PDB file of N, CA and C in Angstrom:
ATOM      1  N   MET A   1      15.957   9.002  -7.904  1.00  0.00           N
ATOM      2  CA  MET A   1      15.358   8.779  -6.603  1.00  0.00           C
ATOM      3  C   MET A   1      14.271   9.829  -6.363  1.00  0.00           C
ATOM      4  N   PHE A   2      13.152   9.385  -5.847  1.00  0.00           N
ATOM      5  CA  PHE A   2      12.025  10.288  -5.634  1.00  0.00           C
ATOM      6  C   PHE A   2      11.623  10.411  -4.172  1.00  0.00           C
ATOM      7  N   LEU A   3      12.062   9.474  -3.338  1.00  0.00           N
ATOM      8  CA  LEU A   3      11.703   9.579  -1.920  1.00  0.00           C
ATOM      9  C   LEU A   3      12.415  10.757  -1.275  1.00  0.00           C
ATOM     10  N   PRO A   4      11.730  11.454  -0.386  1.00  0.00           N
ATOM     11  CA  PRO A   4      12.420  12.498   0.370  1.00  0.00           C
ATOM     12  C   PRO A   4      13.530  11.868   1.225  1.00  0.00           C
ATOM     13  N   GLU A   5      14.555  12.623   1.469  1.00  0.00           N
ATOM     14  CA  GLU A   5      15.712  12.105   2.198  1.00  0.00           C
ATOM     15  C   GLU A   5      15.328  11.538   3.566  1.00  0.00           C
ATOM     16  N   PHE A   6      14.396  12.186   4.272  1.00  0.00           N
ATOM     17  CA  PHE A   6      14.023  11.700   5.608  1.00  0.00           C
ATOM     18  C   PHE A   6      13.322  10.342   5.535  1.00  0.00           C
ATOM     19  N   ASP A   7      12.571  10.075   4.466  1.00  0.00           N
ATOM     20  CA  ASP A   7      11.948   8.759   4.288  1.00  0.00           C
ATOM     21  C   ASP A   7      13.005   7.702   3.990  1.00  0.00           C
ATOM     22  N   ARG A   8      13.933   8.033   3.113  1.00  0.00           N
ATOM     23  CA  ARG A   8      15.018   7.116   2.773  1.00  0.00           C
ATOM     24  C   ARG A   8      15.852   6.802   4.010  1.00  0.00           C
ATOM     25  N   ASP A   9      16.163   7.838   4.802  1.00  0.00           N
ATOM     26  CA  ASP A   9      16.934   7.638   6.028  1.00  0.00           C
ATOM     27  C   ASP A   9      16.197   6.736   7.013  1.00  0.00           C
ATOM     28  N   TYR A  10      14.880   6.923   7.143  1.00  0.00           N
ATOM     29  CA  TYR A  10      14.081   6.096   8.042  1.00  0.00           C
ATOM     30  C   TYR A  10      14.152   4.625   7.634  1.00  0.00           C
ATOM     31  N   LEU A  11      13.933   4.350   6.340  1.00  0.00           N
ATOM     32  CA  LEU A  11      13.968   2.976   5.862  1.00  0.00           C
ATOM     33  C   LEU A  11      15.336   2.338   6.096  1.00  0.00           C
ATOM     34  N   LEU A  12      16.387   3.088   5.832  1.00  0.00           N
ATOM     35  CA  LEU A  12      17.740   2.576   6.057  1.00  0.00           C
ATOM     36  C   LEU A  12      17.998   2.341   7.541  1.00  0.00           C
ATOM     37  N   GLU A  13      17.545   3.256   8.378  1.00  0.00           N
ATOM     38  CA  GLU A  13      17.729   3.137   9.828  1.00  0.00           C
ATOM     39  C   GLU A  13      17.035   1.892  10.377  1.00  0.00           C
ATOM     40  N   LYS A  14      15.879   1.562   9.820  1.00  0.00           N
ATOM     41  CA  LYS A  14      15.115   0.388  10.249  1.00  0.00           C
ATOM     42  C   LYS A  14      15.628  -0.907   9.638  1.00  0.00           C
ATOM     43  N   GLY A  15      16.581  -0.802   8.707  1.00  0.00           N
ATOM     44  CA  GLY A  15      17.183  -1.991   8.111  1.00  0.00           C
ATOM     45  C   GLY A  15      16.413  -2.573   6.939  1.00  0.00           C
ATOM     46  N   TYR A  16      15.502  -1.786   6.361  1.00  0.00           N
ATOM     47  CA  TYR A  16      14.746  -2.283   5.213  1.00  0.00           C
ATOM     48  C   TYR A  16      15.603  -2.263   3.954  1.00  0.00           C
ATOM     49  N   GLN A  17      15.438  -3.299   3.143  1.00  0.00           N
ATOM     50  CA  GLN A  17      16.075  -3.364   1.829  1.00  0.00           C
ATOM     51  C   GLN A  17      15.028  -2.883   0.834  1.00  0.00           C
ATOM     52  N   PHE A  18      15.310  -1.794   0.140  1.00  0.00           N
ATOM     53  CA  PHE A  18      14.288  -1.221  -0.730  1.00  0.00           C
ATOM     54  C   PHE A  18      14.888  -0.706  -2.023  1.00  0.00           C
ATOM     55  N   GLU A  19      14.012  -0.563  -3.005  1.00  0.00           N
ATOM     56  CA  GLU A  19      14.381   0.002  -4.304  1.00  0.00           C
ATOM     57  C   GLU A  19      13.333   1.034  -4.693  1.00  0.00           C
ATOM     58  N   GLU A  20      13.778   2.101  -5.280  1.00  0.00           N
ATOM     59  CA  GLU A  20      12.885   3.086  -5.870  1.00  0.00           C
ATOM     60  C   GLU A  20      12.884   2.846  -7.376  1.00  0.00           C
ATOM     61  N   LYS A  21      11.712   2.616  -7.936  1.00  0.00           N
ATOM     62  CA  LYS A  21      11.591   2.317  -9.362  1.00  0.00           C
ATOM     63  C   LYS A  21      10.700   3.351 -10.031  1.00  0.00           C
ATOM     64  N   ILE A  22      11.070   3.720 -11.243  1.00  0.00           N
ATOM     65  CA  ILE A  22      10.238   4.587 -12.068  1.00  0.00           C
ATOM     66  C   ILE A  22       9.986   3.841 -13.368  1.00  0.00           C
ATOM     67  N   ASP A  23       8.692   3.635 -13.686  1.00  0.00           N
ATOM     68  CA  ASP A  23       8.316   2.910 -14.888  1.00  0.00           C
ATOM     69  C   ASP A  23       7.062   3.558 -15.464  1.00  0.00           C
ATOM     70  N   ALA A  24       7.107   3.891 -16.715  1.00  0.00           N
ATOM     71  CA  ALA A  24       5.968   4.524 -17.392  1.00  0.00           C
ATOM     72  C   ALA A  24       5.494   5.750 -16.617  1.00  0.00           C
ATOM     73  N   ASN A  25       6.441   6.555 -16.175  1.00  0.00           N
ATOM     74  CA  ASN A  25       6.153   7.788 -15.434  1.00  0.00           C
ATOM     75  C   ASN A  25       5.438   7.556 -14.111  1.00  0.00           C
ATOM     76  N   ARG A  26       5.577   6.362 -13.536  1.00  0.00           N
ATOM     77  CA  ARG A  26       5.018   6.060 -12.218  1.00  0.00           C
ATOM     78  C   ARG A  26       6.160   5.717 -11.276  1.00  0.00           C
ATOM     79  N   ASN A  27       6.064   6.220 -10.059  1.00  0.00           N
ATOM     80  CA  ASN A  27       7.060   5.917  -9.041  1.00  0.00           C
ATOM     81  C   ASN A  27       6.586   4.727  -8.216  1.00  0.00           C
ATOM     82  N   GLY A  28       7.509   3.821  -7.935  1.00  0.00           N
ATOM     83  CA  GLY A  28       7.172   2.660  -7.117  1.00  0.00           C
ATOM     84  C   GLY A  28       8.265   2.395  -6.105  1.00  0.00           C
ATOM     85  N   LEU A  29       7.862   1.923  -4.954  1.00  0.00           N
ATOM     86  CA  LEU A  29       8.808   1.579  -3.888  1.00  0.00           C
ATOM     87  C   LEU A  29       8.663   0.096  -3.609  1.00  0.00           C
ATOM     88  N   ILE A  30       9.759  -0.638  -3.730  1.00  0.00           N
ATOM     89  CA  ILE A  30       9.777  -2.070  -3.452  1.00  0.00           C
ATOM     90  C   ILE A  30      10.543  -2.257  -2.153  1.00  0.00           C
ATOM     91  N   ILE A  31       9.883  -2.847  -1.166  1.00  0.00           N
ATOM     92  CA  ILE A  31      10.540  -3.146   0.113  1.00  0.00           C
ATOM     93  C   ILE A  31      10.668  -4.664   0.180  1.00  0.00           C
ATOM     94  N   ARG A  32      11.884  -5.142   0.104  1.00  0.00           N
ATOM     95  CA  ARG A  32      12.148  -6.576  -0.024  1.00  0.00           C
ATOM     96  C   ARG A  32      11.933  -7.348   1.277  1.00  0.00           C
ATOM     97  N   ASN A  33      12.282  -6.795   2.395  1.00  0.00           N
ATOM     98  CA  ASN A  33      12.236  -7.549   3.654  1.00  0.00           C
ATOM     99  C   ASN A  33      11.171  -7.014   4.610  1.00  0.00           C
ATOM    100  N   TRP A  34       9.993  -6.745   4.075  1.00  0.00           N
ATOM    101  CA  TRP A  34       8.857  -6.294   4.871  1.00  0.00           C
ATOM    102  C   TRP A  34       7.718  -7.254   4.609  1.00  0.00           C
ATOM    103  N   PHE A  35       7.165  -7.819   5.662  1.00  0.00           N
ATOM    104  CA  PHE A  35       6.129  -8.838   5.518  1.00  0.00           C
ATOM    105  C   PHE A  35       4.842  -8.380   6.180  1.00  0.00           C
ATOM    106  N   LEU A  36       3.727  -8.692   5.550  1.00  0.00           N
ATOM    107  CA  LEU A  36       2.413  -8.382   6.100  1.00  0.00           C
ATOM    108  C   LEU A  36       2.018  -9.448   7.113  1.00  0.00           C
ATOM    109  N   PRO A  37       1.204  -9.078   8.087  1.00  0.00           N
ATOM    110  CA  PRO A  37       0.687 -10.076   9.020  1.00  0.00           C
ATOM    111  C   PRO A  37      -0.157 -11.118   8.268  1.00  0.00           C
ATOM    112  N   THR A  38      -0.264 -12.307   8.809  1.00  0.00           N
ATOM    113  CA  THR A  38      -1.048 -13.370   8.206  1.00  0.00           C
ATOM    114  C   THR A  38      -2.486 -12.902   7.985  1.00  0.00           C
ATOM    115  N   GLY A  39      -3.019 -13.182   6.809  1.00  0.00           N
ATOM    116  CA  GLY A  39      -4.387 -12.830   6.489  1.00  0.00           C
ATOM    117  C   GLY A  39      -4.566 -11.444   5.883  1.00  0.00           C
ATOM    118  N   LYS A  40      -3.501 -10.684   5.768  1.00  0.00           N
ATOM    119  CA  LYS A  40      -3.583  -9.343   5.185  1.00  0.00           C
ATOM    120  C   LYS A  40      -3.121  -9.399   3.736  1.00  0.00           C
ATOM    121  N   SER A  41      -3.709  -8.566   2.881  1.00  0.00           N
ATOM    122  CA  SER A  41      -3.265  -8.489   1.490  1.00  0.00           C
ATOM    123  C   SER A  41      -2.591  -7.141   1.263  1.00  0.00           C
ATOM    124  N   ALA A  42      -1.737  -7.103   0.286  1.00  0.00           N
ATOM    125  CA  ALA A  42      -0.965  -5.889  -0.013  1.00  0.00           C
ATOM    126  C   ALA A  42      -1.769  -4.947  -0.886  1.00  0.00           C
ATOM    127  N   ILE A  43      -1.689  -3.680  -0.578  1.00  0.00           N
ATOM    128  CA  ILE A  43      -2.242  -2.642  -1.438  1.00  0.00           C
ATOM    129  C   ILE A  43      -1.072  -1.767  -1.851  1.00  0.00           C
ATOM    130  N   ILE A  44      -0.930  -1.583  -3.136  1.00  0.00           N
ATOM    131  CA  ILE A  44       0.152  -0.748  -3.646  1.00  0.00           C
ATOM    132  C   ILE A  44      -0.458   0.578  -4.068  1.00  0.00           C
ATOM    133  N   ARG A  45       0.074   1.664  -3.546  1.00  0.00           N
ATOM    134  CA  ARG A  45      -0.426   2.986  -3.887  1.00  0.00           C
ATOM    135  C   ARG A  45       0.710   3.750  -4.554  1.00  0.00           C
ATOM    136  N   PHE A  46       0.504   4.128  -5.789  1.00  0.00           N
ATOM    137  CA  PHE A  46       1.500   4.885  -6.522  1.00  0.00           C
ATOM    138  C   PHE A  46       1.415   6.352  -6.120  1.00  0.00           C
ATOM    139  N   ILE A  47       2.474   7.080  -6.369  1.00  0.00           N
ATOM    140  CA  ILE A  47       2.540   8.493  -6.019  1.00  0.00           C
ATOM    141  C   ILE A  47       1.385   9.287  -6.639  1.00  0.00           C
ATOM    142  N   ASN A  48       0.926   8.887  -7.813  1.00  0.00           N
ATOM    143  CA  ASN A  48      -0.174   9.613  -8.455  1.00  0.00           C
ATOM    144  C   ASN A  48      -1.544   9.144  -7.949  1.00  0.00           C
ATOM    145  N   HIS A  49      -1.562   8.414  -6.845  1.00  0.00           N
ATOM    146  CA  HIS A  49      -2.765   7.979  -6.136  1.00  0.00           C
ATOM    147  C   HIS A  49      -3.548   6.893  -6.861  1.00  0.00           C
ATOM    148  N   THR A  50      -2.943   6.234  -7.829  1.00  0.00           N
ATOM    149  CA  THR A  50      -3.561   5.070  -8.439  1.00  0.00           C
ATOM    150  C   THR A  50      -3.386   3.912  -7.457  1.00  0.00           C
ATOM    151  N   THR A  51      -4.422   3.159  -7.226  1.00  0.00           N
ATOM    152  CA  THR A  51      -4.359   2.063  -6.262  1.00  0.00           C
ATOM    153  C   THR A  51      -4.594   0.740  -6.970  1.00  0.00           C
ATOM    154  N   LYS A  52      -3.783  -0.256  -6.602  1.00  0.00           N
ATOM    155  CA  LYS A  52      -3.945  -1.607  -7.119  1.00  0.00           C
ATOM    156  C   LYS A  52      -3.924  -2.568  -5.941  1.00  0.00           C
ATOM    157  N   ARG A  53      -4.734  -3.599  -5.971  1.00  0.00           N
ATOM    158  CA  ARG A  53      -4.707  -4.627  -4.940  1.00  0.00           C
ATOM    159  C   ARG A  53      -4.051  -5.869  -5.531  1.00  0.00           C
ATOM    160  N   LEU A  54      -3.107  -6.412  -4.785  1.00  0.00           N
ATOM    161  CA  LEU A  54      -2.460  -7.651  -5.209  1.00  0.00           C
ATOM    162  C   LEU A  54      -3.165  -8.814  -4.534  1.00  0.00           C
ATOM    163  N   SER A  55      -3.382  -9.882  -5.282  1.00  0.00           N
ATOM    164  CA  SER A  55      -4.028 -11.055  -4.661  1.00  0.00           C
ATOM    165  C   SER A  55      -3.040 -12.170  -4.485  1.00  0.00           C
TER     166      SER A  55
END
C-alpha cells in the first residue's frame, strides 16, 4: 500500500471501493464506484507525474 493513511481513511469514510496497484514500478489507484460528470474524460496521473488521457 502506498497511499497515506489519511487518504485511505478518507476514501473509506466516503464509501469508495478502491484498489492500490503497483505495476512496473508505478503506483495506481483504481476507484470502482466513482463516476465523472457527463462530457468529462478521465485523466490518470501516476505518482511519478506521468499523465495519460483515457478516451
